[in-house]
Amino acid sequence: MMRTGCSCTSPLGPEELIAPYADNIATAITRARPARVVVSTSGKTIDAEGSPLQQPAHAALPTLLSSLEEQGVSFAVIAPRLFLENLLLPPVIDTVRSDGVLRYPIRADFPVSWASHLDIAAAAAVLLQRRDVTGIVGIGQLPAITGPDLAASFAEHLRRDVKFESITPEEFGTLITPLIGPAAAGVTGLYQALWHQPDHVIDPTTSAQQRLGLIPRTITAWLSAIGA
């Protein structure tokens, strides 16, 4: 039987919900024994030792990765930071279109290695073929970009003035609660943690740019690709 590869994504949410998913993935890989596995962290931090954002070793995602290592499976880990698709949430994009204001719960001076799901898919496709590349592959913008940089890209794409406005994580949580319900508490907690960090940037030495020669789309290119 031909052994193929698989790509899987760690879901977001509280540990008690994520753990069964991770267990099921580990069990499936044990049984199927694919030749190659690519795992996306969905933005959970596993490559920043010493950071308060780093996932503890006993958490579901690190436990899954430890299981893959113990099984001797060839695998790579796609490690993004924040997704550009977050900016398409109605409370965010609607205000950009109606008022020319990009409101988001990060400081104006906070650099982020933003990435799109299109970038994730491109990296996964390459990594399924490149068994020589293992371990962490960071996905995102380098140099990292700030909120005003994002607003400038939206302005270029929409051909109108767009300014960035920083809002608090709590304000953002209130805005998205009607959309995602109780899960908004976890999102609020993430941005509260980010608020006190100097940046949210991938490591250049383990980036897709360095390891795969893949350059993520610019913000304007992403906006054009999705028809925003």
N, C-alpha and C. Protein backbone atom coordinates (compact mmCIF):
# COMPACT_ATOMS: atom_id res chain seq x y z
N MET A 1 0.84 -1.19 0.00
CA MET A 1 0.00 0.00 0.00
C MET A 1 0.88 1.24 0.00
N MET A 2 0.54 2.22 -0.84
CA MET A 2 1.31 3.45 -0.90
C MET A 2 1.08 4.29 0.35
N ARG A 3 2.15 4.72 0.96
CA ARG A 3 2.04 5.59 2.13
C ARG A 3 2.08 7.03 1.66
N THR A 4 1.10 7.79 2.07
CA THR A 4 0.99 9.18 1.65
C THR A 4 1.23 10.10 2.83
N GLY A 5 0.92 11.37 2.65
CA GLY A 5 1.08 12.33 3.73
C GLY A 5 -0.25 12.90 4.15
N CYS A 6 -0.24 13.60 5.27
CA CYS A 6 -1.47 14.26 5.73
C CYS A 6 -1.11 15.58 6.39
N SER A 7 -2.05 16.49 6.31
CA SER A 7 -1.91 17.80 6.95
C SER A 7 -3.05 17.97 7.93
N CYS A 8 -2.75 18.43 9.13
CA CYS A 8 -3.79 18.62 10.15
C CYS A 8 -3.58 19.93 10.86
N THR A 9 -4.65 20.43 11.43
CA THR A 9 -4.64 21.74 12.08
C THR A 9 -5.14 21.62 13.50
N SER A 10 -4.39 22.16 14.43
CA SER A 10 -4.83 22.17 15.82
C SER A 10 -5.97 23.17 15.97
N PRO A 11 -7.12 22.74 16.51
CA PRO A 11 -8.22 23.69 16.69
C PRO A 11 -7.91 24.67 17.81
N LEU A 12 -8.63 25.77 17.80
CA LEU A 12 -8.52 26.74 18.88
C LEU A 12 -9.62 26.48 19.89
N GLY A 13 -9.36 26.88 21.11
CA GLY A 13 -10.35 26.70 22.15
C GLY A 13 -9.70 26.28 23.45
N PRO A 14 -10.49 26.04 24.48
CA PRO A 14 -9.94 25.61 25.77
C PRO A 14 -9.34 24.22 25.67
N GLU A 15 -8.40 23.94 26.55
CA GLU A 15 -7.67 22.67 26.51
C GLU A 15 -8.59 21.46 26.60
N GLU A 16 -9.66 21.56 27.37
CA GLU A 16 -10.52 20.39 27.53
C GLU A 16 -11.23 20.02 26.22
N LEU A 17 -11.34 20.99 25.30
CA LEU A 17 -11.91 20.70 23.99
C LEU A 17 -10.85 20.28 22.98
N ILE A 18 -9.66 20.86 23.11
CA ILE A 18 -8.59 20.58 22.15
C ILE A 18 -7.98 19.20 22.37
N ALA A 19 -7.86 18.79 23.62
CA ALA A 19 -7.17 17.53 23.94
C ALA A 19 -7.75 16.33 23.20
N PRO A 20 -9.09 16.16 23.14
CA PRO A 20 -9.61 15.00 22.38
C PRO A 20 -9.24 15.03 20.91
N TYR A 21 -9.22 16.23 20.32
CA TYR A 21 -8.81 16.34 18.91
C TYR A 21 -7.38 15.87 18.75
N ALA A 22 -6.49 16.34 19.63
CA ALA A 22 -5.09 15.96 19.55
C ALA A 22 -4.92 14.45 19.73
N ASP A 23 -5.66 13.89 20.66
CA ASP A 23 -5.60 12.43 20.89
C ASP A 23 -6.05 11.67 19.65
N ASN A 24 -7.13 12.14 19.03
CA ASN A 24 -7.65 11.47 17.83
C ASN A 24 -6.66 11.55 16.67
N ILE A 25 -6.01 12.70 16.53
CA ILE A 25 -5.01 12.85 15.47
C ILE A 25 -3.85 11.89 15.70
N ALA A 26 -3.37 11.84 16.95
CA ALA A 26 -2.26 10.95 17.27
C ALA A 26 -2.63 9.49 17.01
N THR A 27 -3.85 9.11 17.39
CA THR A 27 -4.31 7.74 17.17
C THR A 27 -4.40 7.42 15.68
N ALA A 28 -4.95 8.36 14.91
CA ALA A 28 -5.08 8.15 13.47
C ALA A 28 -3.72 7.98 12.80
N ILE A 29 -2.76 8.78 13.23
CA ILE A 29 -1.42 8.68 12.64
C ILE A 29 -0.76 7.37 13.04
N THR A 30 -0.99 6.94 14.28
CA THR A 30 -0.44 5.65 14.72
C THR A 30 -0.97 4.51 13.85
N ARG A 31 -2.23 4.57 13.54
CA ARG A 31 -2.84 3.49 12.76
C ARG A 31 -2.50 3.58 11.27
N ALA A 32 -2.52 4.79 10.71
CA ALA A 32 -2.32 4.94 9.27
C ALA A 32 -0.85 4.96 8.87
N ARG A 33 0.01 5.39 9.77
CA ARG A 33 1.44 5.47 9.50
C ARG A 33 1.74 6.19 8.19
N PRO A 34 1.30 7.44 8.04
CA PRO A 34 1.61 8.18 6.82
C PRO A 34 3.11 8.44 6.72
N ALA A 35 3.57 8.62 5.51
CA ALA A 35 4.99 8.88 5.30
C ALA A 35 5.38 10.28 5.76
N ARG A 36 4.42 11.18 5.82
CA ARG A 36 4.73 12.57 6.15
C ARG A 36 3.53 13.20 6.82
N VAL A 37 3.78 14.01 7.85
CA VAL A 37 2.71 14.73 8.56
C VAL A 37 3.11 16.20 8.67
N VAL A 38 2.16 17.07 8.36
CA VAL A 38 2.35 18.50 8.55
C VAL A 38 1.27 18.99 9.50
N VAL A 39 1.69 19.63 10.58
CA VAL A 39 0.77 20.10 11.62
C VAL A 39 0.81 21.62 11.68
N SER A 40 -0.35 22.27 11.64
CA SER A 40 -0.42 23.71 11.85
C SER A 40 -0.84 23.99 13.29
N THR A 41 -0.14 24.92 13.92
CA THR A 41 -0.44 25.26 15.31
C THR A 41 -1.67 26.15 15.46
N SER A 42 -2.17 26.70 14.34
CA SER A 42 -3.29 27.65 14.37
C SER A 42 -2.96 28.91 15.18
N GLY A 43 -1.69 29.20 15.32
CA GLY A 43 -1.29 30.41 16.03
C GLY A 43 -0.87 30.18 17.47
N LYS A 44 -1.04 28.97 17.98
CA LYS A 44 -0.55 28.70 19.33
C LYS A 44 0.99 28.74 19.31
N THR A 45 1.57 29.33 20.33
CA THR A 45 3.01 29.54 20.35
C THR A 45 3.73 28.33 20.95
N ILE A 46 4.60 27.72 20.15
CA ILE A 46 5.39 26.57 20.63
C ILE A 46 6.88 26.77 20.37
N ASP A 47 7.25 27.94 19.85
CA ASP A 47 8.64 28.16 19.45
C ASP A 47 9.22 29.44 20.06
N ALA A 48 8.79 29.76 21.27
CA ALA A 48 9.28 30.97 21.95
C ALA A 48 9.52 30.66 23.41
N GLU A 49 10.52 29.84 23.66
CA GLU A 49 10.85 29.47 25.04
C GLU A 49 11.07 30.71 25.90
N GLY A 50 10.47 30.69 27.08
CA GLY A 50 10.60 31.82 27.99
C GLY A 50 9.49 32.84 27.85
N SER A 51 8.73 32.77 26.76
CA SER A 51 7.62 33.69 26.57
C SER A 51 6.41 33.22 27.35
N PRO A 52 5.63 34.13 27.92
CA PRO A 52 4.41 33.72 28.61
C PRO A 52 3.37 33.15 27.65
N LEU A 53 3.59 33.33 26.35
CA LEU A 53 2.67 32.79 25.35
C LEU A 53 3.00 31.34 25.00
N GLN A 54 4.18 30.87 25.40
CA GLN A 54 4.61 29.52 25.05
C GLN A 54 3.67 28.47 25.67
N GLN A 55 3.25 27.51 24.84
CA GLN A 55 2.41 26.43 25.33
C GLN A 55 3.18 25.55 26.31
N PRO A 56 2.60 25.21 27.45
CA PRO A 56 3.29 24.31 28.39
C PRO A 56 3.45 22.93 27.79
N ALA A 57 4.46 22.22 28.23
CA ALA A 57 4.78 20.91 27.65
C ALA A 57 3.64 19.92 27.75
N HIS A 58 2.80 20.06 28.80
CA HIS A 58 1.70 19.10 28.99
C HIS A 58 0.45 19.47 28.21
N ALA A 59 0.45 20.60 27.51
CA ALA A 59 -0.72 21.01 26.75
C ALA A 59 -0.94 20.09 25.55
N ALA A 60 -2.13 20.16 24.98
CA ALA A 60 -2.53 19.21 23.93
C ALA A 60 -1.61 19.24 22.72
N LEU A 61 -1.28 20.44 22.23
CA LEU A 61 -0.47 20.53 21.01
C LEU A 61 0.94 20.01 21.22
N PRO A 62 1.68 20.46 22.24
CA PRO A 62 3.01 19.88 22.47
C PRO A 62 2.96 18.37 22.71
N THR A 63 1.90 17.90 23.37
CA THR A 63 1.77 16.46 23.60
C THR A 63 1.62 15.71 22.28
N LEU A 64 0.84 16.28 21.36
CA LEU A 64 0.68 15.68 20.03
C LEU A 64 2.02 15.62 19.31
N LEU A 65 2.77 16.70 19.35
CA LEU A 65 4.05 16.73 18.66
C LEU A 65 5.04 15.75 19.28
N SER A 66 4.99 15.61 20.59
CA SER A 66 5.85 14.63 21.26
C SER A 66 5.49 13.22 20.82
N SER A 67 4.19 12.96 20.64
CA SER A 67 3.75 11.65 20.18
C SER A 67 4.28 11.35 18.78
N LEU A 68 4.24 12.35 17.91
CA LEU A 68 4.76 12.15 16.54
C LEU A 68 6.25 11.85 16.57
N GLU A 69 6.95 12.57 17.43
CA GLU A 69 8.40 12.34 17.54
C GLU A 69 8.68 10.93 18.06
N GLU A 70 7.93 10.50 19.05
CA GLU A 70 8.13 9.16 19.61
C GLU A 70 7.82 8.08 18.58
N GLN A 71 6.86 8.35 17.70
CA GLN A 71 6.51 7.37 16.67
C GLN A 71 7.52 7.32 15.53
N GLY A 72 8.40 8.30 15.48
CA GLY A 72 9.39 8.33 14.41
C GLY A 72 8.81 8.76 13.07
N VAL A 73 7.70 9.46 13.10
CA VAL A 73 7.07 9.95 11.87
C VAL A 73 7.81 11.19 11.38
N SER A 74 8.01 11.29 10.07
CA SER A 74 8.57 12.50 9.49
C SER A 74 7.51 13.60 9.55
N PHE A 75 7.80 14.69 10.28
CA PHE A 75 6.79 15.74 10.39
C PHE A 75 7.43 17.12 10.46
N ALA A 76 6.63 18.10 10.07
CA ALA A 76 7.01 19.51 10.18
C ALA A 76 5.85 20.26 10.80
N VAL A 77 6.17 21.37 11.45
CA VAL A 77 5.16 22.14 12.17
C VAL A 77 5.07 23.54 11.59
N ILE A 78 3.92 23.89 11.06
CA ILE A 78 3.66 25.24 10.56
C ILE A 78 3.25 26.11 11.74
N ALA A 79 4.02 27.19 11.98
CA ALA A 79 3.80 28.01 13.18
C ALA A 79 3.54 29.47 12.81
N PRO A 80 2.27 29.81 12.54
CA PRO A 80 1.93 31.21 12.29
C PRO A 80 1.74 31.97 13.61
N ARG A 81 1.51 33.26 13.51
CA ARG A 81 1.21 34.07 14.67
C ARG A 81 -0.27 34.50 14.63
N LEU A 82 -0.59 35.61 13.97
CA LEU A 82 -1.99 36.03 13.82
C LEU A 82 -2.41 35.90 12.36
N PHE A 83 -3.68 35.55 12.15
CA PHE A 83 -4.20 35.35 10.80
C PHE A 83 -4.83 36.64 10.26
N LEU A 84 -4.51 36.94 9.01
CA LEU A 84 -5.12 38.10 8.36
C LEU A 84 -6.64 37.95 8.27
N GLU A 85 -7.11 36.71 8.19
CA GLU A 85 -8.56 36.49 8.11
C GLU A 85 -9.30 37.02 9.32
N ASN A 86 -8.60 37.23 10.44
CA ASN A 86 -9.24 37.85 11.61
C ASN A 86 -9.78 39.23 11.26
N LEU A 87 -9.13 39.89 10.30
CA LEU A 87 -9.52 41.25 9.92
C LEU A 87 -10.81 41.26 9.11
N LEU A 88 -11.30 40.08 8.71
CA LEU A 88 -12.53 39.98 7.95
C LEU A 88 -13.76 39.79 8.85
N LEU A 89 -13.54 39.70 10.16
CA LEU A 89 -14.68 39.64 11.08
C LEU A 89 -15.56 40.87 10.86
N PRO A 90 -16.86 40.70 10.81
CA PRO A 90 -17.75 41.85 10.52
C PRO A 90 -17.48 43.09 11.38
N PRO A 91 -17.24 42.95 12.70
CA PRO A 91 -16.98 44.18 13.47
C PRO A 91 -15.71 44.91 13.05
N VAL A 92 -14.82 44.21 12.35
CA VAL A 92 -13.57 44.83 11.90
C VAL A 92 -13.73 45.38 10.49
N ILE A 93 -14.04 44.51 9.53
CA ILE A 93 -14.07 44.92 8.13
C ILE A 93 -15.21 45.89 7.84
N ASP A 94 -16.34 45.74 8.52
CA ASP A 94 -17.47 46.63 8.25
C ASP A 94 -17.12 48.08 8.58
N THR A 95 -16.37 48.27 9.67
CA THR A 95 -15.99 49.63 10.06
C THR A 95 -14.94 50.20 9.11
N VAL A 96 -14.09 49.34 8.58
CA VAL A 96 -13.13 49.79 7.57
C VAL A 96 -13.88 50.34 6.37
N ARG A 97 -14.87 49.60 5.92
CA ARG A 97 -15.62 50.00 4.72
C ARG A 97 -16.52 51.21 4.95
N SER A 98 -17.15 51.26 6.12
CA SER A 98 -18.12 52.33 6.36
C SER A 98 -17.48 53.62 6.85
N ASP A 99 -16.44 53.48 7.72
CA ASP A 99 -15.87 54.66 8.37
C ASP A 99 -14.41 54.92 8.02
N GLY A 100 -13.79 53.98 7.31
CA GLY A 100 -12.36 54.16 7.01
C GLY A 100 -11.50 54.02 8.25
N VAL A 101 -11.94 53.17 9.20
CA VAL A 101 -11.20 52.97 10.45
C VAL A 101 -11.01 51.48 10.68
N LEU A 102 -9.75 51.08 10.84
CA LEU A 102 -9.41 49.70 11.16
C LEU A 102 -9.20 49.59 12.66
N ARG A 103 -10.16 49.01 13.35
CA ARG A 103 -10.09 48.88 14.81
C ARG A 103 -9.68 47.47 15.16
N TYR A 104 -8.62 47.36 15.97
CA TYR A 104 -8.14 46.03 16.35
C TYR A 104 -7.47 46.10 17.71
N PRO A 105 -7.50 45.00 18.48
CA PRO A 105 -7.02 45.04 19.87
C PRO A 105 -5.51 44.81 20.03
N ILE A 106 -4.72 45.56 19.31
CA ILE A 106 -3.28 45.57 19.50
C ILE A 106 -2.81 47.02 19.57
N ARG A 107 -1.68 47.24 20.22
CA ARG A 107 -1.12 48.58 20.26
C ARG A 107 -0.70 49.02 18.85
N ALA A 108 -0.72 50.30 18.60
CA ALA A 108 -0.36 50.81 17.28
C ALA A 108 1.10 50.52 16.95
N ASP A 109 1.93 50.37 17.97
CA ASP A 109 3.36 50.14 17.73
C ASP A 109 3.74 48.67 17.84
N PHE A 110 2.76 47.78 17.77
CA PHE A 110 2.97 46.35 18.03
C PHE A 110 3.20 45.61 16.71
N PRO A 111 4.44 45.17 16.42
CA PRO A 111 4.69 44.47 15.16
C PRO A 111 4.29 43.01 15.22
N VAL A 112 3.65 42.55 14.15
CA VAL A 112 3.13 41.18 14.07
C VAL A 112 3.54 40.56 12.74
N SER A 113 3.91 39.30 12.78
CA SER A 113 4.14 38.54 11.55
C SER A 113 2.81 37.96 11.07
N TRP A 114 1.98 38.83 10.50
CA TRP A 114 0.68 38.40 10.02
C TRP A 114 0.83 37.38 8.89
N ALA A 115 -0.09 36.42 8.83
CA ALA A 115 -0.10 35.42 7.76
C ALA A 115 -1.54 35.14 7.36
N SER A 116 -1.73 34.69 6.13
CA SER A 116 -3.07 34.32 5.66
C SER A 116 -3.17 32.80 5.57
N HIS A 117 -4.38 32.31 5.50
CA HIS A 117 -4.57 30.87 5.31
C HIS A 117 -4.08 30.44 3.93
N LEU A 118 -4.02 31.37 2.99
CA LEU A 118 -3.42 31.06 1.68
C LEU A 118 -1.93 30.76 1.85
N ASP A 119 -1.26 31.52 2.71
CA ASP A 119 0.16 31.27 2.99
C ASP A 119 0.35 29.93 3.68
N ILE A 120 -0.55 29.60 4.60
CA ILE A 120 -0.47 28.33 5.31
C ILE A 120 -0.61 27.17 4.32
N ALA A 121 -1.59 27.29 3.42
CA ALA A 121 -1.82 26.23 2.44
C ALA A 121 -0.62 26.04 1.53
N ALA A 122 -0.01 27.14 1.11
CA ALA A 122 1.16 27.05 0.23
C ALA A 122 2.31 26.35 0.94
N ALA A 123 2.52 26.69 2.20
CA ALA A 123 3.60 26.06 2.96
C ALA A 123 3.32 24.58 3.18
N ALA A 124 2.07 24.24 3.49
CA ALA A 124 1.72 22.83 3.73
C ALA A 124 1.96 22.00 2.46
N ALA A 125 1.59 22.55 1.31
CA ALA A 125 1.78 21.82 0.05
C ALA A 125 3.25 21.52 -0.20
N VAL A 126 4.11 22.49 0.10
CA VAL A 126 5.54 22.27 -0.09
C VAL A 126 6.08 21.28 0.94
N LEU A 127 5.67 21.43 2.18
CA LEU A 127 6.20 20.58 3.25
C LEU A 127 5.78 19.13 3.11
N LEU A 128 4.64 18.88 2.50
CA LEU A 128 4.24 17.49 2.28
C LEU A 128 5.20 16.79 1.32
N GLN A 129 5.86 17.57 0.48
CA GLN A 129 6.82 17.01 -0.48
C GLN A 129 8.26 17.04 0.03
N ARG A 130 8.55 18.03 0.89
CA ARG A 130 9.92 18.25 1.35
C ARG A 130 10.17 17.54 2.68
N ARG A 131 10.42 16.23 2.63
CA ARG A 131 10.64 15.48 3.86
C ARG A 131 11.98 15.83 4.50
N ASP A 132 12.83 16.54 3.78
CA ASP A 132 14.10 16.96 4.35
C ASP A 132 13.94 18.12 5.33
N VAL A 133 12.79 18.78 5.31
CA VAL A 133 12.53 19.91 6.21
C VAL A 133 11.65 19.43 7.35
N THR A 134 12.19 19.43 8.55
CA THR A 134 11.43 18.99 9.72
C THR A 134 11.45 20.10 10.78
N GLY A 135 10.66 19.89 11.82
CA GLY A 135 10.62 20.87 12.90
C GLY A 135 9.78 22.09 12.56
N ILE A 136 10.10 23.22 13.17
CA ILE A 136 9.31 24.43 13.08
C ILE A 136 9.56 25.16 11.76
N VAL A 137 8.46 25.60 11.15
CA VAL A 137 8.52 26.51 10.01
C VAL A 137 7.57 27.67 10.31
N GLY A 138 8.12 28.81 10.62
CA GLY A 138 7.30 29.98 10.94
C GLY A 138 6.73 30.60 9.67
N ILE A 139 5.47 30.99 9.73
CA ILE A 139 4.79 31.57 8.58
C ILE A 139 4.33 32.98 8.94
N GLY A 140 4.73 33.96 8.15
CA GLY A 140 4.27 35.32 8.42
C GLY A 140 5.18 36.38 7.84
N GLN A 141 4.73 37.61 7.96
CA GLN A 141 5.45 38.74 7.39
C GLN A 141 6.77 39.01 8.11
N LEU A 142 7.81 39.21 7.34
CA LEU A 142 9.11 39.68 7.81
C LEU A 142 9.61 40.73 6.81
N PRO A 143 9.91 41.93 7.27
CA PRO A 143 9.73 42.42 8.63
C PRO A 143 8.26 42.41 9.05
N ALA A 144 8.06 42.29 10.34
CA ALA A 144 6.69 42.31 10.87
C ALA A 144 6.08 43.69 10.66
N ILE A 145 4.75 43.74 10.67
CA ILE A 145 4.06 44.99 10.38
C ILE A 145 3.14 45.38 11.54
N THR A 146 2.86 46.67 11.62
CA THR A 146 2.05 47.23 12.70
C THR A 146 0.63 47.52 12.21
N GLY A 147 -0.21 47.94 13.14
CA GLY A 147 -1.58 48.31 12.81
C GLY A 147 -1.66 49.40 11.74
N PRO A 148 -0.91 50.49 11.88
CA PRO A 148 -0.94 51.52 10.82
C PRO A 148 -0.48 50.98 9.47
N ASP A 149 0.45 50.01 9.46
CA ASP A 149 0.85 49.39 8.19
C ASP A 149 -0.34 48.66 7.56
N LEU A 150 -1.08 47.93 8.40
CA LEU A 150 -2.28 47.23 7.90
C LEU A 150 -3.27 48.23 7.30
N ALA A 151 -3.50 49.32 8.03
CA ALA A 151 -4.45 50.34 7.56
C ALA A 151 -4.00 50.91 6.22
N ALA A 152 -2.71 51.13 6.06
CA ALA A 152 -2.20 51.68 4.80
C ALA A 152 -2.45 50.71 3.64
N SER A 153 -2.33 49.41 3.90
CA SER A 153 -2.59 48.42 2.85
C SER A 153 -4.06 48.39 2.48
N PHE A 154 -4.94 48.48 3.49
CA PHE A 154 -6.36 48.54 3.20
C PHE A 154 -6.69 49.80 2.40
N ALA A 155 -6.04 50.91 2.75
CA ALA A 155 -6.28 52.16 2.02
C ALA A 155 -5.87 52.02 0.56
N GLU A 156 -4.73 51.37 0.33
CA GLU A 156 -4.27 51.17 -1.05
C GLU A 156 -5.24 50.29 -1.82
N HIS A 157 -5.71 49.24 -1.17
CA HIS A 157 -6.61 48.30 -1.85
C HIS A 157 -7.98 48.91 -2.12
N LEU A 158 -8.52 49.60 -1.12
CA LEU A 158 -9.87 50.16 -1.23
C LEU A 158 -9.90 51.52 -1.90
N ARG A 159 -8.71 52.11 -2.06
CA ARG A 159 -8.59 53.43 -2.70
C ARG A 159 -9.38 54.48 -1.93
N ARG A 160 -9.18 54.45 -0.63
CA ARG A 160 -9.79 55.45 0.25
C ARG A 160 -8.92 55.57 1.48
N ASP A 161 -9.08 56.62 2.23
CA ASP A 161 -8.32 56.78 3.46
C ASP A 161 -8.78 55.76 4.49
N VAL A 162 -7.80 55.10 5.12
CA VAL A 162 -8.09 54.19 6.22
C VAL A 162 -7.06 54.44 7.32
N LYS A 163 -7.52 54.63 8.53
CA LYS A 163 -6.61 54.84 9.66
C LYS A 163 -6.77 53.69 10.64
N PHE A 164 -5.71 53.47 11.42
CA PHE A 164 -5.75 52.42 12.43
C PHE A 164 -6.15 53.01 13.76
N GLU A 165 -7.01 52.28 14.48
CA GLU A 165 -7.41 52.69 15.82
C GLU A 165 -7.28 51.50 16.76
N SER A 166 -6.46 51.63 17.76
CA SER A 166 -6.28 50.57 18.74
C SER A 166 -7.44 50.56 19.72
N ILE A 167 -8.01 49.37 19.91
CA ILE A 167 -9.05 49.20 20.93
C ILE A 167 -8.54 48.18 21.95
N THR A 168 -9.17 48.14 23.11
CA THR A 168 -8.73 47.21 24.14
C THR A 168 -9.22 45.80 23.83
N PRO A 169 -8.52 44.79 24.35
CA PRO A 169 -8.99 43.43 24.18
C PRO A 169 -10.42 43.23 24.70
N GLU A 170 -10.75 43.92 25.78
CA GLU A 170 -12.09 43.78 26.35
C GLU A 170 -13.15 44.35 25.40
N GLU A 171 -12.83 45.48 24.77
CA GLU A 171 -13.76 46.05 23.79
C GLU A 171 -13.95 45.11 22.61
N PHE A 172 -12.86 44.50 22.18
CA PHE A 172 -12.93 43.56 21.06
C PHE A 172 -13.76 42.35 21.44
N GLY A 173 -13.56 41.86 22.65
CA GLY A 173 -14.34 40.72 23.12
C GLY A 173 -15.83 41.00 23.10
N THR A 174 -16.21 42.21 23.48
CA THR A 174 -17.62 42.60 23.46
C THR A 174 -18.16 42.60 22.03
N LEU A 175 -17.34 43.06 21.09
CA LEU A 175 -17.76 43.13 19.69
C LEU A 175 -17.99 41.75 19.08
N ILE A 176 -17.15 40.78 19.46
CA ILE A 176 -17.23 39.48 18.79
C ILE A 176 -18.10 38.47 19.55
N THR A 177 -18.51 38.79 20.76
CA THR A 177 -19.35 37.85 21.53
C THR A 177 -20.63 37.47 20.78
N PRO A 178 -21.31 38.41 20.12
CA PRO A 178 -22.51 38.00 19.36
C PRO A 178 -22.20 37.01 18.24
N LEU A 179 -20.95 36.98 17.77
CA LEU A 179 -20.56 36.10 16.67
C LEU A 179 -20.17 34.71 17.15
N ILE A 180 -19.37 34.66 18.23
CA ILE A 180 -18.80 33.37 18.63
C ILE A 180 -19.15 32.96 20.05
N GLY A 181 -19.94 33.74 20.72
CA GLY A 181 -20.43 33.36 22.04
C GLY A 181 -19.34 33.25 23.09
N PRO A 182 -19.40 32.23 23.94
CA PRO A 182 -18.45 32.10 25.05
C PRO A 182 -16.99 32.01 24.60
N ALA A 183 -16.74 31.59 23.35
CA ALA A 183 -15.37 31.49 22.87
C ALA A 183 -14.68 32.85 22.84
N ALA A 184 -15.46 33.93 22.89
CA ALA A 184 -14.88 35.27 22.88
C ALA A 184 -13.98 35.50 24.09
N ALA A 185 -14.26 34.81 25.20
CA ALA A 185 -13.44 34.97 26.40
C ALA A 185 -12.01 34.53 26.14
N GLY A 186 -11.84 33.42 25.42
CA GLY A 186 -10.50 32.95 25.10
C GLY A 186 -9.77 33.90 24.17
N VAL A 187 -10.49 34.46 23.20
CA VAL A 187 -9.89 35.43 22.28
C VAL A 187 -9.46 36.68 23.05
N THR A 188 -10.32 37.13 23.94
CA THR A 188 -9.97 38.30 24.76
C THR A 188 -8.71 38.03 25.57
N GLY A 189 -8.62 36.83 26.14
CA GLY A 189 -7.44 36.48 26.93
C GLY A 189 -6.17 36.49 26.11
N LEU A 190 -6.25 36.00 24.86
CA LEU A 190 -5.07 36.02 23.99
C LEU A 190 -4.59 37.44 23.77
N TYR A 191 -5.50 38.34 23.43
CA TYR A 191 -5.09 39.71 23.13
C TYR A 191 -4.67 40.47 24.39
N GLN A 192 -5.21 40.09 25.53
CA GLN A 192 -4.71 40.67 26.78
C GLN A 192 -3.26 40.29 27.00
N ALA A 193 -2.93 39.04 26.70
CA ALA A 193 -1.53 38.60 26.84
C ALA A 193 -0.63 39.31 25.83
N LEU A 194 -1.11 39.43 24.60
CA LEU A 194 -0.30 40.08 23.56
C LEU A 194 -0.05 41.55 23.88
N TRP A 195 -1.01 42.16 24.54
CA TRP A 195 -0.92 43.60 24.82
C TRP A 195 0.35 43.95 25.61
N HIS A 196 0.81 43.01 26.40
CA HIS A 196 1.97 43.27 27.26
C HIS A 196 3.28 42.74 26.69
N GLN A 197 3.23 42.26 25.43
CA GLN A 197 4.44 41.75 24.79
C GLN A 197 5.05 42.82 23.88
N PRO A 198 6.36 42.73 23.62
CA PRO A 198 6.98 43.72 22.73
C PRO A 198 6.62 43.51 21.27
N ASP A 199 6.32 42.27 20.88
CA ASP A 199 5.98 41.97 19.48
C ASP A 199 5.38 40.58 19.42
N HIS A 200 5.01 40.18 18.21
CA HIS A 200 4.50 38.82 17.98
C HIS A 200 5.05 38.40 16.61
N VAL A 201 6.34 38.09 16.61
CA VAL A 201 7.10 37.95 15.37
C VAL A 201 7.71 36.55 15.29
N ILE A 202 7.69 35.96 14.10
CA ILE A 202 8.32 34.66 13.91
C ILE A 202 9.83 34.81 13.92
N ASP A 203 10.52 33.71 14.20
CA ASP A 203 11.97 33.68 14.20
C ASP A 203 12.46 33.62 12.75
N PRO A 204 13.24 34.59 12.31
CA PRO A 204 13.71 34.58 10.91
C PRO A 204 14.46 33.31 10.55
N THR A 205 15.18 32.71 11.52
CA THR A 205 16.00 31.54 11.19
C THR A 205 15.18 30.30 10.90
N THR A 206 13.93 30.25 11.40
CA THR A 206 13.07 29.10 11.14
C THR A 206 11.87 29.47 10.27
N SER A 207 11.93 30.62 9.64
CA SER A 207 10.82 31.10 8.82
C SER A 207 10.72 30.34 7.50
N ALA A 208 9.53 30.38 6.91
CA ALA A 208 9.35 29.78 5.58
C ALA A 208 10.21 30.50 4.55
N GLN A 209 10.45 31.78 4.77
CA GLN A 209 11.33 32.52 3.87
C GLN A 209 12.71 31.89 3.84
N GLN A 210 13.22 31.55 5.02
CA GLN A 210 14.57 31.00 5.12
C GLN A 210 14.60 29.50 4.78
N ARG A 211 13.66 28.75 5.29
CA ARG A 211 13.72 27.29 5.17
C ARG A 211 13.14 26.75 3.86
N LEU A 212 12.16 27.48 3.29
CA LEU A 212 11.50 26.99 2.09
C LEU A 212 11.62 27.93 0.90
N GLY A 213 12.12 29.13 1.14
CA GLY A 213 12.17 30.11 0.07
C GLY A 213 10.79 30.64 -0.31
N LEU A 214 9.83 30.54 0.62
CA LEU A 214 8.47 31.01 0.37
C LEU A 214 8.28 32.40 0.97
N ILE A 215 7.81 33.32 0.17
CA ILE A 215 7.54 34.67 0.64
C ILE A 215 6.04 34.84 0.79
N PRO A 216 5.55 35.21 1.97
CA PRO A 216 4.10 35.37 2.13
C PRO A 216 3.58 36.53 1.30
N ARG A 217 2.31 36.47 0.96
CA ARG A 217 1.68 37.55 0.21
C ARG A 217 1.74 38.85 1.00
N THR A 218 1.85 39.95 0.29
CA THR A 218 1.68 41.24 0.93
C THR A 218 0.21 41.39 1.33
N ILE A 219 -0.06 42.34 2.17
CA ILE A 219 -1.45 42.53 2.60
C ILE A 219 -2.34 42.90 1.43
N THR A 220 -1.85 43.77 0.57
CA THR A 220 -2.65 44.17 -0.59
C THR A 220 -2.86 43.00 -1.54
N ALA A 221 -1.84 42.16 -1.72
CA ALA A 221 -2.00 40.99 -2.58
C ALA A 221 -3.01 40.02 -1.99
N TRP A 222 -3.00 39.86 -0.67
CA TRP A 222 -3.98 39.00 -0.01
C TRP A 222 -5.39 39.56 -0.20
N LEU A 223 -5.57 40.86 0.00
CA LEU A 223 -6.88 41.47 -0.17
C LEU A 223 -7.41 41.28 -1.58
N SER A 224 -6.52 41.38 -2.55
CA SER A 224 -6.92 41.17 -3.95
C SER A 224 -7.28 39.71 -4.19
N ALA A 225 -6.49 38.80 -3.61
CA ALA A 225 -6.71 37.36 -3.84
C ALA A 225 -8.06 36.91 -3.31
N ILE A 226 -8.50 37.48 -2.20
CA ILE A 226 -9.77 37.05 -1.60
C ILE A 226 -10.95 37.90 -2.07
N GLY A 227 -10.67 38.92 -2.87
CA GLY A 227 -11.73 39.76 -3.39
C GLY A 227 -12.39 40.60 -2.31
N ALA A 228 -11.62 41.05 -1.36
CA ALA A 228 -12.18 41.84 -0.25
C ALA A 228 -12.58 43.23 -0.71
